[in-house]
Amino acid sequence: MIGGLLSLISAVTFAYANASVRRGVLTGTVLQAVGISLPVALPIFIGAMLISGGFPLLAGFTLRTLWLLALAGVIHFSWARYCNYRATKAIGANLVAPVQQYSLVITLVLAVVWLGEQLTVLRMLGIVLVVAGPALTLGPDKPAAKSSAGPADAGSVKPFDPQYAEGYLYALLSAVGFGISPILIGMAFETKGVAVGIAGGFVSYVAATAAIALTLAVPGQWRSFRTVDRESAKWFIISGIAVCLSQMFRYMALAIAPVSVVTPIQRLSLIFRIHFGWMLNPHHEVFGGRLILGTVISLAGAIALSLSTDGILQAVQLPAVVVSLLTWHWP
């Protein structure tokens, strides 16, 4: 019960983070979004480390663990986040969401190749649905109607013109990053627990922040970064806090509940993302029947990828032929 509630909070805060960063990049740049949202999380992590006793645990991390966590942080919080924000700026958070479900497929493939996990019928079905869902959203669809404008965008009149080629390219690149990082994190931890997870997240955030700091040191980038306006900075700060809270709730949920429970609930962020998009950015997102259908199909695929075959067989009595089909695996 508590694990499911924490997973739901994680899904809601992650969806709000994506909608708020979309609001910020309307006038700000992607580098500004990453450069502001990353450091904002560090004080929150430091507070969580003090409360959970995470700092003493850092001394027990091996060099291999630190290296894998740092690499995962750079890939997830720097590269993948930058690509995510750039895709969001180009086509909106609603269209990015279904494409990013490919990260689950990438994680699964790497788990089979690197970690020796198995490919089951449920996972094969999930892959098909995850691939089919975003395919339905490809191509032009109608932007949100002007009459649906919420209070956050009441003065906006310019229609949203998605840049599909750029948006889908960077959405796929972000999916690659989000798909690789969980494998690296799984390889890094030799012990489990909430405090260990928070300590690992702290290492990843520090490494990612250092990588972005080096990027800002490039001539011309810091000058561009300093031109951020107050309105964009506000939304980038909100997004950074929301992402940080989402990650913490995710680690807490995984510490007390099975992955098969946590992951499907977290995928509900796709639905919440559409809701928050209408609230904050009604004129700067794409809505429509194809988007909703593609999102639902990709969500079903994500759930299929997350379900445990053994858990289903224990919970439901099924005919022998179905049991035989569900228990097939490769290799």
Protein backbone atom coordinates (compact mmCIF):
# COMPACT_ATOMS: atom_id res chain seq x y z
CA MET A 1 0.00 0.00 0.00
CA ILE A 2 2.70 2.51 1.02
CA GLY A 3 4.96 1.42 -1.84
CA GLY A 4 2.15 1.97 -4.33
CA LEU A 5 1.41 5.41 -2.88
CA LEU A 6 5.08 6.44 -3.10
CA SER A 7 5.17 5.22 -6.71
CA LEU A 8 2.10 7.28 -7.54
CA ILE A 9 3.63 10.41 -5.99
CA SER A 10 6.78 9.76 -8.03
CA ALA A 11 4.71 9.53 -11.23
CA VAL A 12 2.82 12.77 -10.48
CA THR A 13 5.93 14.79 -9.61
CA PHE A 14 7.80 13.51 -12.68
CA ALA A 15 4.90 14.47 -14.95
CA TYR A 16 4.74 17.93 -13.39
CA ALA A 17 8.50 18.34 -13.85
CA ASN A 18 8.15 17.72 -17.58
CA ALA A 19 5.22 20.12 -17.93
CA SER A 20 7.01 22.85 -15.97
CA VAL A 21 10.23 22.58 -17.95
CA ARG A 22 8.13 22.81 -21.11
CA ARG A 23 6.80 26.08 -19.74
CA GLY A 24 10.34 27.31 -19.10
CA VAL A 25 11.83 26.48 -22.52
CA LEU A 26 9.15 28.55 -24.24
CA THR A 27 11.45 31.52 -23.63
CA GLY A 28 14.61 29.93 -22.21
CA THR A 29 17.23 27.62 -23.72
CA VAL A 30 17.74 23.91 -23.14
CA LEU A 31 21.20 24.43 -21.62
CA GLN A 32 19.70 26.94 -19.18
CA ALA A 33 17.08 24.36 -18.22
CA VAL A 34 19.67 21.67 -17.48
CA GLY A 35 22.14 24.07 -15.87
CA ILE A 36 19.54 25.35 -13.41
CA SER A 37 17.48 22.20 -12.70
CA LEU A 38 20.49 20.02 -11.84
CA PRO A 39 22.19 22.06 -9.07
CA VAL A 40 18.81 22.84 -7.48
CA ALA A 41 18.54 19.19 -6.46
CA LEU A 42 21.86 19.02 -4.61
CA PRO A 43 20.72 20.81 -1.39
CA ILE A 44 17.69 18.52 -1.26
CA PHE A 45 19.92 15.46 -1.64
CA ILE A 46 22.30 16.74 1.02
CA GLY A 47 19.38 17.11 3.45
CA ALA A 48 18.18 13.59 2.63
CA MET A 49 21.72 12.26 3.09
CA LEU A 50 21.95 13.84 6.54
CA ILE A 51 18.59 12.44 7.59
CA SER A 52 19.18 8.93 6.20
CA GLY A 53 22.83 8.61 7.21
CA GLY A 54 23.99 8.43 3.62
CA PHE A 55 27.36 10.16 4.01
CA PRO A 56 28.98 7.35 6.06
CA LEU A 57 27.81 4.90 3.40
CA LEU A 58 29.84 6.71 0.74
CA ALA A 59 33.05 5.53 2.43
CA GLY A 60 31.96 1.95 1.78
CA PHE A 61 31.44 2.45 -1.96
CA THR A 62 34.14 0.81 -4.07
CA LEU A 63 35.82 2.65 -6.93
CA ARG A 64 33.82 0.50 -9.34
CA THR A 65 30.57 1.51 -7.65
CA LEU A 66 31.49 5.20 -7.69
CA TRP A 67 32.53 5.02 -11.35
CA LEU A 68 29.31 3.28 -12.43
CA LEU A 69 27.14 5.70 -10.44
CA ALA A 70 29.00 8.71 -11.84
CA LEU A 71 28.70 7.38 -15.40
CA ALA A 72 25.00 6.68 -14.88
CA GLY A 73 24.52 10.21 -13.55
CA VAL A 74 26.22 11.85 -16.53
CA ILE A 75 24.24 9.71 -18.97
CA HIS A 76 20.88 10.06 -17.20
CA PHE A 77 20.91 13.54 -15.66
CA SER A 78 23.11 15.35 -18.19
CA TRP A 79 22.90 13.75 -21.63
CA ALA A 80 19.41 12.18 -21.46
CA ARG A 81 17.94 15.16 -19.63
CA TYR A 82 19.40 17.59 -22.18
CA CYS A 83 17.96 15.51 -25.04
CA ASN A 84 14.63 15.24 -23.21
CA TYR A 85 14.41 19.00 -22.74
CA ARG A 86 15.45 19.69 -26.34
CA ALA A 87 12.81 17.27 -27.63
CA THR A 88 10.25 18.88 -25.32
CA LYS A 89 11.11 22.31 -26.67
CA ALA A 90 10.69 21.06 -30.25
CA ILE A 91 7.46 19.00 -30.05
CA GLY A 92 6.10 19.37 -26.52
CA ALA A 93 6.09 16.99 -23.56
CA ASN A 94 2.99 15.11 -24.73
CA LEU A 95 4.57 13.84 -27.96
CA VAL A 96 7.89 13.08 -26.27
CA ALA A 97 6.35 10.77 -23.64
CA PRO A 98 5.33 7.79 -25.83
CA VAL A 99 8.67 7.78 -27.68
CA GLN A 100 10.58 7.68 -24.39
CA GLN A 101 8.96 4.34 -23.59
CA TYR A 102 11.61 2.89 -25.92
CA SER A 103 13.92 3.26 -22.91
CA LEU A 104 12.22 0.20 -21.40
CA VAL A 105 13.03 -1.84 -24.50
CA ILE A 106 16.66 -0.68 -24.39
CA THR A 107 16.91 -1.55 -20.69
CA LEU A 108 15.40 -4.99 -21.35
CA VAL A 109 17.75 -5.75 -24.24
CA LEU A 110 20.78 -4.73 -22.17
CA ALA A 111 19.50 -6.77 -19.22
CA VAL A 112 19.28 -9.85 -21.45
CA VAL A 113 22.73 -9.27 -23.00
CA TRP A 114 24.69 -8.00 -19.98
CA LEU A 115 22.85 -9.36 -16.95
CA GLY A 116 21.66 -12.70 -18.33
CA GLU A 117 17.94 -12.00 -17.92
CA GLN A 118 15.37 -13.78 -20.06
CA LEU A 119 13.00 -12.67 -22.83
CA THR A 120 9.44 -13.87 -22.13
CA VAL A 121 6.19 -13.74 -24.08
CA LEU A 122 4.93 -10.88 -21.90
CA ARG A 123 8.07 -8.90 -22.59
CA MET A 124 7.81 -9.56 -26.32
CA LEU A 125 4.21 -8.31 -26.25
CA GLY A 126 5.35 -5.26 -24.30
CA ILE A 127 8.01 -4.47 -26.90
CA VAL A 128 5.43 -4.64 -29.71
CA LEU A 129 3.04 -2.30 -27.87
CA VAL A 130 5.80 0.14 -26.87
CA VAL A 131 6.92 0.36 -30.50
CA ALA A 132 3.36 0.62 -31.87
CA GLY A 133 2.21 3.35 -29.46
CA PRO A 134 4.59 6.12 -30.56
CA ALA A 135 4.08 5.15 -34.22
CA LEU A 136 0.47 6.32 -33.91
CA THR A 137 1.59 9.77 -32.79
CA LEU A 138 3.92 10.37 -35.75
CA GLY A 139 3.02 13.18 -38.08
CA PRO A 140 0.92 16.29 -37.63
CA ASP A 141 -2.00 16.31 -35.24
CA LYS A 142 -4.10 19.20 -34.08
CA PRO A 143 -2.67 21.47 -31.37
CA ALA A 144 -4.80 22.33 -28.37
CA ALA A 145 -7.78 24.45 -29.21
CA LYS A 146 -7.51 28.05 -28.19
CA SER A 147 -10.79 27.84 -26.37
CA SER A 148 -9.25 25.30 -23.98
CA ALA A 149 -6.71 27.76 -22.66
CA GLY A 150 -6.18 27.59 -18.95
CA PRO A 151 -5.21 30.48 -16.69
CA ALA A 152 -1.51 29.80 -17.16
CA ASP A 153 -1.70 30.56 -20.90
CA ALA A 154 -4.66 32.90 -21.12
CA GLY A 155 -2.74 35.51 -23.09
CA SER A 156 -1.19 33.14 -25.64
CA VAL A 157 -2.53 33.26 -29.20
CA LYS A 158 0.32 31.97 -31.37
CA PRO A 159 -0.41 28.40 -32.57
CA PHE A 160 2.11 25.72 -31.69
CA ASP A 161 4.10 24.41 -34.68
CA PRO A 162 5.97 21.22 -33.63
CA GLN A 163 9.40 20.56 -35.14
CA TYR A 164 8.89 16.83 -35.61
CA ALA A 165 12.29 15.78 -37.03
CA GLU A 166 14.28 17.46 -34.27
CA GLY A 167 11.83 16.46 -31.57
CA TYR A 168 11.66 12.75 -32.37
CA LEU A 169 15.44 12.52 -32.87
CA TYR A 170 16.19 13.94 -29.44
CA ALA A 171 13.34 11.97 -27.85
CA LEU A 172 14.98 8.77 -29.13
CA LEU A 173 18.39 9.91 -27.89
CA SER A 174 16.93 10.62 -24.45
CA ALA A 175 15.32 7.16 -24.46
CA VAL A 176 18.75 5.63 -25.10
CA GLY A 177 20.18 7.48 -22.10
CA PHE A 178 17.25 6.66 -19.83
CA GLY A 179 17.48 3.03 -20.96
CA ILE A 180 21.20 2.61 -20.26
CA SER A 181 21.35 4.28 -16.83
CA PRO A 182 19.22 1.74 -14.88
CA ILE A 183 21.55 -1.06 -15.99
CA LEU A 184 24.59 0.86 -14.77
CA ILE A 185 22.89 1.60 -11.45
CA GLY A 186 21.90 -2.05 -11.06
CA MET A 187 25.51 -3.09 -11.70
CA ALA A 188 26.80 -0.51 -9.22
CA PHE A 189 24.92 -1.49 -6.06
CA GLU A 190 26.14 -4.49 -4.10
CA THR A 191 23.70 -3.80 -1.25
CA LYS A 192 20.17 -2.40 -1.26
CA GLY A 193 18.24 0.04 0.91
CA VAL A 194 16.76 3.52 0.99
CA ALA A 195 19.91 5.15 2.41
CA VAL A 196 22.13 3.37 -0.13
CA GLY A 197 19.85 4.49 -2.95
CA ILE A 198 19.91 8.11 -1.79
CA ALA A 199 23.70 8.00 -1.47
CA GLY A 200 23.95 6.57 -4.97
CA GLY A 201 21.63 9.24 -6.33
CA PHE A 202 23.77 11.90 -4.66
CA VAL A 203 26.91 10.60 -6.38
CA SER A 204 25.10 10.57 -9.74
CA TYR A 205 23.78 14.11 -9.28
CA VAL A 206 27.21 15.46 -8.30
CA ALA A 207 28.83 13.86 -11.37
CA ALA A 208 26.12 15.19 -13.68
CA THR A 209 26.37 18.69 -12.19
CA ALA A 210 30.15 18.65 -12.71
CA ALA A 211 29.65 17.62 -16.35
CA ILE A 212 27.24 20.51 -16.96
CA ALA A 213 29.62 22.91 -15.17
CA LEU A 214 32.37 21.91 -17.61
CA THR A 215 30.00 22.54 -20.51
CA LEU A 216 29.19 26.01 -19.19
CA ALA A 217 32.94 26.73 -19.01
CA VAL A 218 33.13 26.61 -22.82
CA PRO A 219 33.58 30.16 -24.18
CA GLY A 220 30.24 31.73 -24.98
CA GLN A 221 28.12 29.16 -23.12
CA TRP A 222 28.33 30.91 -19.73
CA ARG A 223 27.39 34.25 -21.30
CA SER A 224 24.37 32.61 -22.94
CA PHE A 225 23.46 30.88 -19.68
CA ARG A 226 23.45 34.18 -17.75
CA THR A 227 20.85 35.68 -20.10
CA VAL A 228 18.07 33.51 -18.67
CA ASP A 229 15.02 35.57 -17.78
CA ARG A 230 13.34 35.39 -14.38
CA GLU A 231 10.18 33.65 -15.63
CA SER A 232 12.11 30.80 -17.30
CA ALA A 233 14.41 30.44 -14.29
CA LYS A 234 11.37 30.05 -12.02
CA TRP A 235 10.02 27.14 -14.06
CA PHE A 236 13.44 25.49 -14.35
CA ILE A 237 13.83 25.63 -10.56
CA ILE A 238 10.36 24.15 -10.07
CA SER A 239 11.17 21.39 -12.56
CA GLY A 240 14.48 20.60 -10.85
CA ILE A 241 12.81 20.28 -7.45
CA ALA A 242 10.03 18.11 -8.89
CA VAL A 243 12.48 15.76 -10.64
CA CYS A 244 14.55 15.42 -7.48
CA LEU A 245 11.49 14.56 -5.38
CA SER A 246 10.33 12.10 -8.04
CA GLN A 247 13.67 10.26 -7.94
CA MET A 248 13.65 10.11 -4.14
CA PHE A 249 10.11 8.75 -3.98
CA ARG A 250 11.09 6.20 -6.63
CA TYR A 251 14.04 4.95 -4.57
CA MET A 252 11.90 4.79 -1.44
CA ALA A 253 9.19 2.83 -3.26
CA LEU A 254 11.69 0.35 -4.68
CA ALA A 255 13.10 -0.18 -1.19
CA ILE A 256 9.79 -1.44 0.20
CA ALA A 257 7.79 -2.73 -2.78
CA PRO A 258 8.45 -5.11 -5.69
CA VAL A 259 9.63 -3.66 -9.01
CA SER A 260 6.58 -5.28 -10.64
CA VAL A 261 4.37 -3.01 -8.51
CA VAL A 262 6.44 0.18 -8.63
CA THR A 263 7.23 0.36 -12.35
CA PRO A 264 3.69 0.06 -13.78
CA ILE A 265 2.38 2.71 -11.38
CA GLN A 266 5.21 5.06 -12.31
CA ARG A 267 4.28 4.73 -15.97
CA LEU A 268 1.04 6.54 -15.13
CA SER A 269 3.16 9.67 -15.47
CA LEU A 270 2.27 9.51 -19.19
CA ILE A 271 -1.36 10.21 -18.32
CA PHE A 272 -0.54 12.89 -15.73
CA ARG A 273 1.79 14.53 -18.25
CA ILE A 274 -1.14 15.20 -20.60
CA HIS A 275 -3.18 16.66 -17.73
CA PHE A 276 -0.41 18.98 -16.55
CA GLY A 277 0.33 19.92 -20.17
CA TRP A 278 -3.24 21.17 -20.55
CA MET A 279 -3.00 23.08 -17.26
CA LEU A 280 0.33 24.83 -17.90
CA ASN A 281 0.83 24.82 -21.68
CA PRO A 282 -2.51 24.44 -23.49
CA HIS A 283 -1.29 26.32 -26.58
CA HIS A 284 2.17 24.75 -26.64
CA GLU A 285 1.36 21.05 -26.67
CA VAL A 286 -0.23 18.64 -29.15
CA PHE A 287 -3.47 16.98 -28.11
CA GLY A 288 -5.86 14.74 -30.01
CA GLY A 289 -7.24 11.22 -30.36
CA ARG A 290 -4.10 9.73 -31.90
CA LEU A 291 -1.94 11.08 -29.09
CA ILE A 292 -4.25 9.65 -26.42
CA LEU A 293 -4.45 6.25 -28.17
CA GLY A 294 -0.69 6.08 -28.72
CA THR A 295 -0.05 7.00 -25.09
CA VAL A 296 -2.46 4.34 -23.80
CA ILE A 297 -0.93 1.66 -26.06
CA SER A 298 2.63 2.52 -25.00
CA LEU A 299 1.49 2.54 -21.36
CA ALA A 300 0.03 -0.95 -21.82
CA GLY A 301 3.34 -2.04 -23.31
CA ALA A 302 5.25 -0.57 -20.39
CA ILE A 303 3.03 -2.47 -17.94
CA ALA A 304 3.52 -5.72 -19.90
CA LEU A 305 7.30 -5.22 -19.74
CA SER A 306 7.07 -4.66 -15.98
CA LEU A 307 4.83 -7.57 -15.04
CA SER A 308 6.24 -10.72 -13.51
CA THR A 309 5.14 -13.98 -15.14
CA ASP A 310 5.53 -15.85 -11.85
CA GLY A 311 3.40 -13.23 -10.09
CA ILE A 312 0.60 -13.62 -12.63
CA LEU A 313 0.64 -17.41 -12.39
CA GLN A 314 0.47 -17.21 -8.59
CA ALA A 315 -2.40 -14.73 -8.62
CA VAL A 316 -4.57 -16.25 -11.37
CA GLN A 317 -5.52 -19.83 -12.28
CA LEU A 318 -4.96 -20.23 -16.02
CA PRO A 319 -5.39 -23.10 -18.51
CA ALA A 320 -2.34 -25.30 -19.06
CA VAL A 321 -1.82 -24.07 -22.61
CA VAL A 322 -1.72 -20.44 -21.42
CA VAL A 323 0.67 -21.35 -18.60
CA SER A 324 2.92 -23.07 -21.12
CA LEU A 325 2.88 -19.99 -23.34
CA LEU A 326 3.59 -17.57 -20.49
CA THR A 327 6.46 -19.66 -19.09
CA TRP A 328 8.30 -19.81 -22.44
CA HIS A 329 11.49 -17.81 -22.41
CA TRP A 330 14.65 -17.12 -24.39
CA PRO A 331 17.41 -17.98 -23.88
